[in-house]
């Protein structure tokens, strides 16, 4: 098993349980966070903490400027998976978000990428699905991990036994 990193153009339209192996790594294209992202996420979540919404307040914090709400990162991960398209026909449920860590701030202007590593997989008793163990890291433009955690998924087999 080589740890080749597929690009979106080289990914198949759909991937199923059989297509994944422990150690595979997938990297999303970069996505620059905008002021509109921050405002819309505050609106969607209802989280108007002044650290996110008040520039003058944020200037007086250790960050020196507004910080994008942490849960935005988890939403970014789901968006990356949608962009890859590999789960569109195969994942039937997200099973968990575990051990999520906020390692550093996300700021407007940061360009983020999502790295997904397949940690393992296990078939279910039904023989029609399996559990795909996935580790995620969100990296900023400097290669720093700003968030990381795990999210396992229930995924269909291409050829149920």
Protein backbone atom coordinates (compact mmCIF):
# COMPACT_ATOMS: atom_id res chain seq x y z
CA UNK A 1 0.00 0.00 0.00
CA UNK A 2 1.46 3.30 -1.02
CA UNK A 3 0.35 6.49 0.62
CA UNK A 4 -0.39 8.23 -2.64
CA UNK A 5 -2.43 11.37 -2.19
CA UNK A 6 -5.23 11.51 -4.73
CA UNK A 7 -6.22 14.84 -6.19
CA UNK A 8 -9.90 15.60 -6.84
CA UNK A 9 -9.39 15.12 -10.59
CA UNK A 10 -7.87 11.67 -10.07
CA UNK A 11 -10.54 10.38 -7.69
CA UNK A 12 -13.19 7.97 -8.89
CA UNK A 13 -16.78 9.22 -8.91
CA UNK A 14 -17.64 6.95 -5.98
CA UNK A 15 -15.69 4.83 -3.56
CA UNK A 16 -17.10 1.98 -1.51
CA UNK A 17 -15.89 -0.06 1.46
CA UNK A 18 -13.72 -2.31 -0.71
CA UNK A 19 -11.92 0.69 -2.23
CA UNK A 20 -10.39 1.93 1.02
CA UNK A 21 -7.24 0.74 2.78
CA UNK A 22 -5.69 1.83 6.07
CA UNK A 23 -3.07 4.48 5.43
CA UNK A 24 -4.72 6.10 2.40
CA UNK A 25 -4.53 9.89 2.54
CA UNK A 26 -6.79 12.37 0.78
CA UNK A 27 -6.10 16.12 0.60
CA UNK A 28 -8.70 18.73 -0.31
CA UNK A 29 -8.05 21.76 -2.48
CA UNK A 30 -7.34 24.93 -0.51
CA UNK A 31 -10.20 27.13 0.58
CA UNK A 32 -9.66 30.70 1.75
CA UNK A 33 -11.89 31.80 4.63
CA UNK A 34 -13.71 35.05 3.91
CA UNK A 35 -15.35 37.69 6.07
CA UNK A 36 -18.65 36.53 4.58
CA UNK A 37 -17.92 32.98 5.80
CA UNK A 38 -17.42 34.32 9.32
CA UNK A 39 -20.60 36.42 9.25
CA UNK A 40 -22.71 33.66 7.70
CA UNK A 41 -21.43 31.10 10.19
CA UNK A 42 -22.29 33.44 13.08
CA UNK A 43 -25.77 33.80 11.57
CA UNK A 44 -26.22 30.06 11.01
CA UNK A 45 -24.92 28.98 14.41
CA UNK A 46 -26.26 31.91 16.42
CA UNK A 47 -22.80 32.26 17.96
CA UNK A 48 -22.25 36.01 18.07
CA UNK A 49 -19.55 35.91 20.76
CA UNK A 50 -17.62 39.18 20.50
CA UNK A 51 -14.45 37.22 19.69
CA UNK A 52 -16.15 36.38 16.37
CA UNK A 53 -18.22 39.50 15.78
CA UNK A 54 -16.60 42.54 17.42
CA UNK A 55 -13.29 43.66 15.90
CA UNK A 56 -12.52 46.09 18.74
CA UNK A 57 -13.17 43.43 21.39
CA UNK A 58 -11.07 40.89 19.48
CA UNK A 59 -8.14 43.34 19.17
CA UNK A 60 -7.80 43.24 22.96
CA UNK A 61 -7.56 39.42 23.06
CA UNK A 62 -4.44 37.30 22.67
CA UNK A 63 -5.45 36.76 19.01
CA UNK A 64 -5.50 40.47 18.16
CA UNK A 65 -8.34 40.01 15.68
CA UNK A 66 -11.59 38.15 15.16
CA UNK A 67 -11.45 34.35 15.21
CA UNK A 68 -13.73 32.13 13.14
CA UNK A 69 -15.88 29.90 15.38
CA UNK A 70 -14.26 26.51 15.97
CA UNK A 71 -17.19 24.43 14.74
CA UNK A 72 -16.71 26.04 11.32
CA UNK A 73 -13.77 23.65 10.92
CA UNK A 74 -15.96 20.57 11.30
CA UNK A 75 -18.35 22.00 8.71
CA UNK A 76 -15.35 22.58 6.42
CA UNK A 77 -14.47 18.88 6.72
CA UNK A 78 -17.95 17.85 5.56
CA UNK A 79 -17.62 20.28 2.66
CA UNK A 80 -14.27 18.77 1.65
CA UNK A 81 -15.82 15.31 1.57
CA UNK A 82 -18.58 16.65 -0.66
CA UNK A 83 -16.00 18.20 -3.02
CA UNK A 84 -14.15 14.89 -3.27
CA UNK A 85 -17.42 13.20 -4.29
CA UNK A 86 -16.08 9.82 -3.18
CA UNK A 87 -18.77 9.31 -0.54
CA UNK A 88 -21.81 10.58 -2.47
CA UNK A 89 -23.10 7.11 -3.35
CA UNK A 90 -21.66 5.07 -0.52
CA UNK A 91 -21.80 6.64 2.95
CA UNK A 92 -25.08 6.02 4.71
CA UNK A 93 -24.32 7.71 8.04
CA UNK A 94 -21.72 9.70 9.90
CA UNK A 95 -21.32 7.74 13.14
CA UNK A 96 -19.25 10.07 15.29
CA UNK A 97 -17.09 13.09 15.76
CA UNK A 98 -14.52 12.01 18.33
CA UNK A 99 -11.54 13.57 20.02
CA UNK A 100 -11.85 16.83 18.10
CA UNK A 101 -9.09 19.23 19.11
CA UNK A 102 -8.79 22.92 18.39
CA UNK A 103 -5.02 23.35 18.03
CA UNK A 104 -4.95 26.91 16.72
CA UNK A 105 -7.21 29.71 15.58
CA UNK A 106 -8.79 30.08 12.18
CA UNK A 107 -8.77 33.65 10.87
CA UNK A 108 -10.41 35.38 7.94
CA UNK A 109 -7.84 35.17 5.14
CA UNK A 110 -6.50 31.75 6.13
CA UNK A 111 -6.36 29.20 3.32
CA UNK A 112 -7.29 25.82 4.74
CA UNK A 113 -6.94 22.29 3.44
CA UNK A 114 -8.43 19.12 4.88
CA UNK A 115 -6.38 15.94 5.17
CA UNK A 116 -8.29 12.69 5.65
CA UNK A 117 -6.41 9.53 6.62
CA UNK A 118 -8.09 6.15 6.53
CA UNK A 119 -7.28 4.62 9.92
CA UNK A 120 -8.99 1.28 9.41
CA UNK A 121 -12.22 -0.43 8.52
CA UNK A 122 -14.42 -3.22 9.83
CA UNK A 123 -17.38 -5.00 8.23
CA UNK A 124 -20.75 -4.96 9.97
CA UNK A 125 -22.67 -8.12 10.82
CA UNK A 126 -25.11 -7.48 7.96
CA UNK A 127 -22.41 -7.95 5.32
CA UNK A 128 -23.86 -5.02 3.36
CA UNK A 129 -21.92 -2.21 5.05
CA UNK A 130 -18.79 -1.52 6.99
CA UNK A 131 -17.41 1.07 9.39
CA UNK A 132 -14.76 3.32 7.89
CA UNK A 133 -12.42 4.81 10.52
CA UNK A 134 -11.28 8.26 9.38
CA UNK A 135 -8.86 10.75 10.90
CA UNK A 136 -9.02 14.40 9.87
CA UNK A 137 -6.68 17.36 10.14
CA UNK A 138 -7.32 20.92 9.01
CA UNK A 139 -4.14 22.72 7.99
CA UNK A 140 -3.64 26.42 7.39
CA UNK A 141 -1.51 27.98 4.65
CA UNK A 142 1.59 27.57 6.84
CA UNK A 143 1.08 23.82 7.17
CA UNK A 144 0.02 24.17 10.81
CA UNK A 145 -2.69 21.83 12.06
CA UNK A 146 -5.43 24.09 13.42
CA UNK A 147 -7.94 21.32 14.12
CA UNK A 148 -7.92 17.56 14.15
CA UNK A 149 -10.09 14.68 15.16
CA UNK A 150 -11.86 11.61 14.01
CA UNK A 151 -15.18 10.88 12.34
CA UNK A 152 -16.18 7.32 11.54
CA UNK A 153 -18.78 6.53 8.90
CA UNK A 154 -21.06 3.70 7.89
CA UNK A 155 -20.30 2.89 4.25
CA UNK A 156 -21.86 0.52 1.72
CA UNK A 157 -20.04 -2.35 0.11
CA UNK A 158 -19.84 -2.22 -3.67
CA UNK A 159 -20.75 -5.92 -3.81
CA UNK A 160 -22.71 -6.93 -0.69
CA UNK A 161 -21.97 -10.48 0.39
